[in-house]
N, C-alpha and C. Protein backbone atom coordinates (compact mmCIF):
# COMPACT_ATOMS: atom_id res chain seq x y z
N UNK A 1 26.07 -76.20 -9.51
CA UNK A 1 24.64 -76.02 -9.46
C UNK A 1 24.12 -76.17 -8.03
N UNK A 2 24.77 -77.02 -7.27
CA UNK A 2 24.35 -77.20 -5.88
C UNK A 2 24.57 -75.92 -5.10
N UNK A 3 25.71 -75.29 -5.30
CA UNK A 3 26.02 -74.06 -4.59
C UNK A 3 25.01 -72.97 -4.96
N UNK A 4 24.70 -72.87 -6.24
CA UNK A 4 23.73 -71.86 -6.68
C UNK A 4 22.35 -72.16 -6.10
N UNK A 5 21.97 -73.41 -6.06
CA UNK A 5 20.68 -73.78 -5.49
C UNK A 5 20.60 -73.47 -4.01
N UNK A 6 21.67 -73.76 -3.28
CA UNK A 6 21.69 -73.45 -1.86
C UNK A 6 21.69 -71.95 -1.61
N UNK A 7 22.37 -71.21 -2.48
CA UNK A 7 22.38 -69.75 -2.35
C UNK A 7 20.98 -69.18 -2.54
N UNK A 8 20.28 -69.64 -3.58
CA UNK A 8 18.91 -69.19 -3.82
C UNK A 8 18.02 -69.57 -2.65
N UNK A 9 18.18 -70.79 -2.16
CA UNK A 9 17.39 -71.24 -1.01
C UNK A 9 17.65 -70.38 0.22
N UNK A 10 18.89 -69.99 0.44
CA UNK A 10 19.19 -69.14 1.59
C UNK A 10 18.60 -67.75 1.43
N UNK A 11 18.62 -67.21 0.21
CA UNK A 11 18.04 -65.88 -0.02
C UNK A 11 16.53 -65.91 0.20
N UNK A 12 15.87 -66.95 -0.32
CA UNK A 12 14.43 -67.07 -0.12
C UNK A 12 14.13 -67.31 1.35
N UNK A 13 14.92 -68.16 1.98
CA UNK A 13 14.70 -68.47 3.39
C UNK A 13 14.92 -67.29 4.31
N UNK A 14 15.82 -66.40 3.95
CA UNK A 14 16.06 -65.25 4.81
C UNK A 14 14.94 -64.22 4.72
N UNK A 15 14.15 -64.27 3.67
CA UNK A 15 13.07 -63.31 3.53
C UNK A 15 11.71 -63.87 3.98
N UNK A 16 11.65 -65.16 4.31
CA UNK A 16 10.40 -65.79 4.73
C UNK A 16 10.62 -66.57 6.02
N UNK A 17 9.53 -66.81 6.74
CA UNK A 17 9.66 -67.66 7.90
C UNK A 17 9.46 -69.13 7.49
N UNK A 18 9.64 -70.04 8.43
CA UNK A 18 9.63 -71.47 8.12
C UNK A 18 8.27 -71.94 7.61
N UNK A 19 7.20 -71.49 8.23
CA UNK A 19 5.87 -71.93 7.80
C UNK A 19 5.54 -71.46 6.39
N UNK A 20 5.99 -70.28 6.05
CA UNK A 20 5.77 -69.78 4.69
C UNK A 20 6.53 -70.64 3.67
N UNK A 21 7.75 -71.03 4.00
CA UNK A 21 8.52 -71.89 3.10
C UNK A 21 7.85 -73.25 2.93
N UNK A 22 7.33 -73.81 4.01
CA UNK A 22 6.62 -75.09 3.93
C UNK A 22 5.38 -74.95 3.05
N UNK A 23 4.66 -73.85 3.19
CA UNK A 23 3.47 -73.61 2.38
C UNK A 23 3.85 -73.49 0.90
N UNK A 24 4.88 -72.73 0.60
CA UNK A 24 5.32 -72.56 -0.79
C UNK A 24 5.76 -73.90 -1.38
N UNK A 25 6.51 -74.68 -0.62
CA UNK A 25 6.97 -75.99 -1.09
C UNK A 25 5.79 -76.91 -1.36
N UNK A 26 4.79 -76.89 -0.49
CA UNK A 26 3.61 -77.75 -0.68
C UNK A 26 2.85 -77.35 -1.93
N UNK A 27 2.66 -76.08 -2.12
CA UNK A 27 1.94 -75.61 -3.32
C UNK A 27 2.71 -76.01 -4.58
N UNK A 28 4.02 -75.83 -4.56
CA UNK A 28 4.84 -76.19 -5.73
C UNK A 28 4.81 -77.69 -6.00
N UNK A 29 4.84 -78.48 -4.94
CA UNK A 29 4.82 -79.94 -5.12
C UNK A 29 3.54 -80.43 -5.76
N UNK A 30 2.44 -79.72 -5.55
CA UNK A 30 1.18 -80.13 -6.14
C UNK A 30 0.91 -79.50 -7.50
N UNK A 31 1.48 -78.34 -7.79
CA UNK A 31 1.16 -77.67 -9.05
C UNK A 31 2.15 -77.96 -10.17
N UNK A 32 3.43 -78.10 -9.85
CA UNK A 32 4.44 -78.27 -10.90
C UNK A 32 4.21 -79.55 -11.72
N UNK A 33 3.95 -80.71 -11.11
CA UNK A 33 3.72 -81.90 -11.94
C UNK A 33 2.50 -81.78 -12.85
N UNK A 34 1.45 -81.15 -12.37
CA UNK A 34 0.24 -80.98 -13.18
C UNK A 34 0.53 -80.06 -14.36
N UNK A 35 1.22 -78.97 -14.10
CA UNK A 35 1.56 -78.05 -15.18
C UNK A 35 2.51 -78.70 -16.18
N UNK A 36 3.43 -79.53 -15.70
CA UNK A 36 4.35 -80.20 -16.62
C UNK A 36 3.59 -81.16 -17.52
N UNK A 37 2.67 -81.92 -16.97
CA UNK A 37 1.90 -82.85 -17.80
C UNK A 37 1.05 -82.10 -18.83
N UNK A 38 0.53 -80.95 -18.45
CA UNK A 38 -0.31 -80.18 -19.36
C UNK A 38 0.50 -79.57 -20.50
N UNK A 39 1.69 -79.05 -20.18
CA UNK A 39 2.52 -78.37 -21.18
C UNK A 39 3.83 -79.11 -21.43
N UNK A 40 3.80 -80.42 -21.43
CA UNK A 40 5.02 -81.22 -21.53
C UNK A 40 5.82 -80.93 -22.80
N UNK A 41 5.15 -80.84 -23.92
CA UNK A 41 5.86 -80.61 -25.19
C UNK A 41 6.58 -79.26 -25.19
N UNK A 42 5.90 -78.22 -24.73
CA UNK A 42 6.51 -76.89 -24.71
C UNK A 42 7.68 -76.83 -23.74
N UNK A 43 7.51 -77.47 -22.58
CA UNK A 43 8.57 -77.47 -21.57
C UNK A 43 9.79 -78.23 -22.07
N UNK A 44 9.56 -79.37 -22.71
CA UNK A 44 10.69 -80.15 -23.24
C UNK A 44 11.43 -79.41 -24.34
N UNK A 45 10.68 -78.76 -25.23
CA UNK A 45 11.32 -77.97 -26.29
C UNK A 45 12.15 -76.84 -25.70
N UNK A 46 11.58 -76.14 -24.72
CA UNK A 46 12.30 -75.05 -24.07
C UNK A 46 13.55 -75.59 -23.36
N UNK A 47 13.43 -76.74 -22.70
CA UNK A 47 14.57 -77.34 -22.01
C UNK A 47 15.69 -77.71 -22.96
N UNK A 48 15.33 -78.26 -24.12
CA UNK A 48 16.34 -78.60 -25.12
C UNK A 48 17.05 -77.35 -25.63
N UNK A 49 16.29 -76.31 -25.92
CA UNK A 49 16.89 -75.05 -26.38
C UNK A 49 17.81 -74.46 -25.30
N UNK A 50 17.36 -74.52 -24.06
CA UNK A 50 18.16 -73.98 -22.96
C UNK A 50 19.46 -74.77 -22.80
N UNK A 51 19.39 -76.08 -22.90
CA UNK A 51 20.60 -76.90 -22.76
C UNK A 51 21.59 -76.62 -23.90
N UNK A 52 21.09 -76.45 -25.11
CA UNK A 52 21.97 -76.12 -26.24
C UNK A 52 22.66 -74.78 -25.99
N UNK A 53 21.90 -73.79 -25.53
CA UNK A 53 22.47 -72.47 -25.26
C UNK A 53 23.48 -72.53 -24.12
N UNK A 54 23.18 -73.29 -23.09
CA UNK A 54 24.11 -73.43 -21.96
C UNK A 54 25.40 -74.09 -22.41
N UNK A 55 25.29 -75.13 -23.23
CA UNK A 55 26.50 -75.80 -23.73
C UNK A 55 27.32 -74.87 -24.62
N UNK A 56 26.64 -74.05 -25.43
CA UNK A 56 27.34 -73.10 -26.28
C UNK A 56 28.06 -72.05 -25.44
N UNK A 57 27.40 -71.53 -24.42
CA UNK A 57 28.01 -70.53 -23.55
C UNK A 57 29.16 -71.12 -22.74
N UNK A 58 29.03 -72.37 -22.32
CA UNK A 58 30.12 -73.02 -21.59
C UNK A 58 31.32 -73.22 -22.50
N UNK A 59 31.09 -73.55 -23.77
CA UNK A 59 32.21 -73.71 -24.70
C UNK A 59 32.96 -72.39 -24.86
N UNK A 60 32.23 -71.28 -24.95
CA UNK A 60 32.86 -69.97 -25.06
C UNK A 60 33.64 -69.66 -23.79
N UNK A 61 33.04 -69.92 -22.62
CA UNK A 61 33.72 -69.69 -21.35
C UNK A 61 34.97 -70.55 -21.25
N UNK A 62 34.87 -71.80 -21.65
CA UNK A 62 36.01 -72.70 -21.60
C UNK A 62 37.13 -72.22 -22.51
N UNK A 63 36.76 -71.76 -23.69
CA UNK A 63 37.76 -71.31 -24.66
C UNK A 63 38.45 -70.03 -24.19
N UNK A 64 37.67 -69.08 -23.69
CA UNK A 64 38.23 -67.77 -23.36
C UNK A 64 38.86 -67.70 -21.98
N UNK A 65 38.30 -68.39 -21.00
CA UNK A 65 38.74 -68.20 -19.62
C UNK A 65 39.41 -69.45 -19.06
N UNK A 66 38.70 -70.53 -19.05
CA UNK A 66 39.18 -71.72 -18.35
C UNK A 66 40.47 -72.29 -18.95
N UNK A 67 40.56 -72.32 -20.26
CA UNK A 67 41.77 -72.86 -20.88
C UNK A 67 42.98 -71.98 -20.57
N UNK A 68 42.79 -70.66 -20.51
CA UNK A 68 43.90 -69.77 -20.18
C UNK A 68 44.32 -69.93 -18.72
N UNK A 69 43.35 -70.08 -17.84
CA UNK A 69 43.67 -70.26 -16.43
C UNK A 69 44.38 -71.58 -16.22
N UNK A 70 43.90 -72.62 -16.85
CA UNK A 70 44.52 -73.94 -16.68
C UNK A 70 45.93 -73.97 -17.26
N UNK A 71 46.18 -73.21 -18.31
CA UNK A 71 47.52 -73.19 -18.90
C UNK A 71 48.51 -72.45 -18.01
N UNK A 72 48.03 -71.55 -17.16
CA UNK A 72 48.92 -70.80 -16.28
C UNK A 72 49.24 -71.54 -14.98
N UNK A 73 48.51 -72.59 -14.68
CA UNK A 73 48.77 -73.36 -13.48
C UNK A 73 50.00 -74.24 -13.75
N UNK A 74 51.04 -74.11 -12.93
CA UNK A 74 52.25 -74.89 -13.19
C UNK A 74 52.02 -76.37 -12.90
N UNK A 75 52.56 -77.16 -13.77
CA UNK A 75 52.47 -78.60 -13.61
C UNK A 75 53.83 -79.08 -13.11
N UNK A 76 53.87 -79.55 -11.91
CA UNK A 76 55.11 -79.99 -11.31
C UNK A 76 55.66 -81.24 -11.98
N UNK A 77 56.92 -81.48 -11.73
CA UNK A 77 57.54 -82.67 -12.30
C UNK A 77 57.16 -83.87 -11.45
N UNK A 78 56.41 -84.75 -12.03
CA UNK A 78 55.99 -85.96 -11.33
C UNK A 78 56.92 -87.10 -11.74
N UNK A 79 57.37 -87.82 -10.76
CA UNK A 79 58.25 -88.95 -11.04
C UNK A 79 57.44 -90.24 -10.86
N UNK A 80 57.65 -91.15 -11.77
CA UNK A 80 56.96 -92.44 -11.65
C UNK A 80 57.69 -93.30 -10.65
N UNK A 81 56.93 -93.94 -9.81
CA UNK A 81 57.49 -94.87 -8.84
C UNK A 81 57.41 -96.27 -9.43
N UNK A 82 58.54 -96.94 -9.43
CA UNK A 82 58.56 -98.31 -9.98
C UNK A 82 58.43 -99.31 -8.88
């Protein structure tokens, strides 16, 4: 998520100058908390639905892709040191 966030930030930053980014950040810092308090129930419900869907999609990805990739990675013979 950090990589995706930095990628989005770089895309936005490349299309705007520094003062515009500061202005956008200031406006967001003052409006997002107010909007969240006003629509808290709707936002929380949407967040719960989104998290359920993300977990379901990750389970499918894990089953179809990640487990197959991990099974193909050779596991070397590890010896225990006494």
